[in-house]
Amino acid sequence: MRPVERGDLPIDPNTGIPIVFTQYSQAKSHLIDRVGEYCSYCERSINHLLHVEHIQPKAARPDLERRWDNFLLSCVNCNAAKGHEELILRGASRFGNTIPKSNDISSVSAP
């Protein structure tokens, strides 16, 4: 899995205050600016069809649906493979090294 250093919540340049996402899709451009156009799981460079992925699924954790620290970028294949699985989180940062609870995302191969 690609190391993700997305940093702190993005700051609105007009107001100087942290951005509050009303829709999780609004985080996509900020994630691309911070981590590049890469799938966080398979590490492939993807210049289109990247999705904002929820580390903890929306269905299981609706309270995290629009939280910056719950976002990654994912290709279509990896996003589908992860599905609604919850992840066990370990590592130095809150969402540092993530591993799936049951599926081995590292074995997913994209065409």
Protein backbone atom coordinates (compact mmCIF):
# COMPACT_ATOMS: atom_id res chain seq x y z
CA MET A 1 0.00 0.00 0.00
CA ARG A 2 1.28 3.44 -0.94
CA PRO A 3 2.27 5.61 2.05
CA VAL A 4 -0.18 8.50 2.33
CA GLU A 5 0.89 11.85 3.70
CA ARG A 6 -2.17 13.98 3.10
CA GLY A 7 -1.38 16.39 5.94
CA ASP A 8 -3.77 18.47 7.96
CA LEU A 9 -7.20 19.54 6.83
CA PRO A 10 -6.95 21.89 3.81
CA ILE A 11 -7.29 25.61 4.52
CA ASP A 12 -9.59 27.86 2.52
CA PRO A 13 -7.27 30.48 0.95
CA ASN A 14 -10.00 33.15 1.10
CA THR A 15 -10.87 32.78 4.77
CA GLY A 16 -7.80 31.10 6.27
CA ILE A 17 -9.97 28.55 8.07
CA PRO A 18 -10.14 24.78 7.56
CA ILE A 19 -12.44 23.61 4.80
CA VAL A 20 -15.61 21.82 5.86
CA PHE A 21 -16.59 19.34 3.16
CA THR A 22 -20.34 19.23 2.55
CA GLN A 23 -19.79 16.36 0.10
CA TYR A 24 -16.86 13.96 0.27
CA SER A 25 -16.25 14.36 -3.49
CA GLN A 26 -15.10 17.93 -2.76
CA ALA A 27 -11.95 16.50 -1.19
CA LYS A 28 -10.71 14.92 -4.44
CA SER A 29 -8.76 17.90 -5.80
CA HIS A 30 -7.17 18.52 -2.39
CA LEU A 31 -6.13 14.87 -2.13
CA ILE A 32 -4.65 14.93 -5.63
CA ASP A 33 -2.70 18.09 -4.76
CA ARG A 34 -1.29 16.43 -1.65
CA VAL A 35 -0.66 12.80 -2.67
CA GLY A 36 -0.74 12.87 -6.47
CA GLU A 37 -2.83 10.92 -8.93
CA TYR A 38 -2.16 7.50 -7.43
CA CYS A 39 -4.33 4.74 -6.09
CA SER A 40 -3.50 4.42 -2.39
CA TYR A 41 -3.94 0.63 -2.55
CA CYS A 42 -2.36 -0.67 -5.77
CA GLU A 43 0.00 2.32 -6.12
CA ARG A 44 -0.73 2.76 -9.82
CA SER A 45 -0.62 6.20 -11.36
CA ILE A 46 -4.19 6.97 -12.45
CA ASN A 47 -4.88 10.23 -14.24
CA HIS A 48 -8.63 9.70 -14.46
CA LEU A 49 -11.36 7.79 -12.64
CA LEU A 50 -9.79 8.22 -9.22
CA HIS A 51 -12.35 8.06 -6.44
CA VAL A 52 -12.39 9.48 -2.96
CA GLU A 53 -12.24 6.33 -0.88
CA HIS A 54 -13.38 6.05 2.72
CA ILE A 55 -10.94 4.22 4.97
CA GLN A 56 -13.81 3.38 7.26
CA PRO A 57 -16.91 2.74 5.12
CA LYS A 58 -19.75 5.23 5.07
CA ALA A 59 -22.29 2.54 5.92
CA ALA A 60 -20.45 1.49 9.07
CA ARG A 61 -19.24 4.96 10.11
CA PRO A 62 -21.55 7.67 8.71
CA ASP A 63 -20.00 10.12 11.18
CA LEU A 64 -16.72 9.88 9.21
CA GLU A 65 -18.24 10.31 5.72
CA ARG A 66 -16.96 13.87 5.24
CA ARG A 67 -13.87 13.77 7.47
CA TRP A 68 -10.52 14.54 5.86
CA ASP A 69 -8.72 11.92 7.94
CA ASN A 70 -11.00 9.21 6.56
CA PHE A 71 -10.20 9.92 2.88
CA LEU A 72 -7.83 8.23 0.43
CA LEU A 73 -7.70 8.09 -3.35
CA SER A 74 -8.55 4.81 -5.00
CA CYS A 75 -8.86 3.40 -8.49
CA VAL A 76 -12.15 1.82 -9.55
CA ASN A 77 -10.83 -1.74 -9.16
CA CYS A 78 -9.43 -1.32 -5.66
CA ASN A 79 -12.44 0.65 -4.50
CA ALA A 80 -14.72 -2.18 -5.67
CA ALA A 81 -12.47 -4.85 -4.12
CA LYS A 82 -12.46 -3.12 -0.73
CA GLY A 83 -16.21 -2.65 -0.88
CA HIS A 84 -17.73 -2.02 2.52
CA GLU A 85 -14.98 -3.74 4.50
CA GLU A 86 -13.80 -2.04 7.65
CA LEU A 87 -10.06 -1.64 8.04
CA ILE A 88 -7.85 -2.30 11.01
CA LEU A 89 -5.67 0.75 11.44
CA ARG A 90 -2.18 0.69 12.84
CA GLY A 91 0.95 2.76 12.58
CA ALA A 92 2.35 6.06 13.73
CA SER A 93 -0.46 8.26 12.47
CA ARG A 94 -4.19 7.82 12.88
CA PHE A 95 -4.67 6.37 9.41
CA GLY A 96 -0.99 5.63 8.71
CA ASN A 97 -0.64 2.01 7.72
CA THR A 98 -3.99 0.52 6.85
CA ILE A 99 -4.70 -3.11 6.30
CA PRO A 100 -7.98 -4.79 5.44
CA LYS A 101 -9.85 -6.72 8.09
CA SER A 102 -10.62 -9.68 5.82
CA ASN A 103 -9.70 -9.07 2.17
CA ASP A 104 -6.10 -8.71 1.07
CA ILE A 105 -6.22 -5.50 -0.98
CA SER A 106 -2.50 -5.84 -1.77
CA SER A 107 -3.36 -8.84 -3.94
CA VAL A 108 -5.75 -6.82 -6.08
CA SER A 109 -4.37 -6.26 -9.54
CA ALA A 110 -5.71 -3.66 -11.92
CA PRO A 111 -5.50 -4.11 -15.68
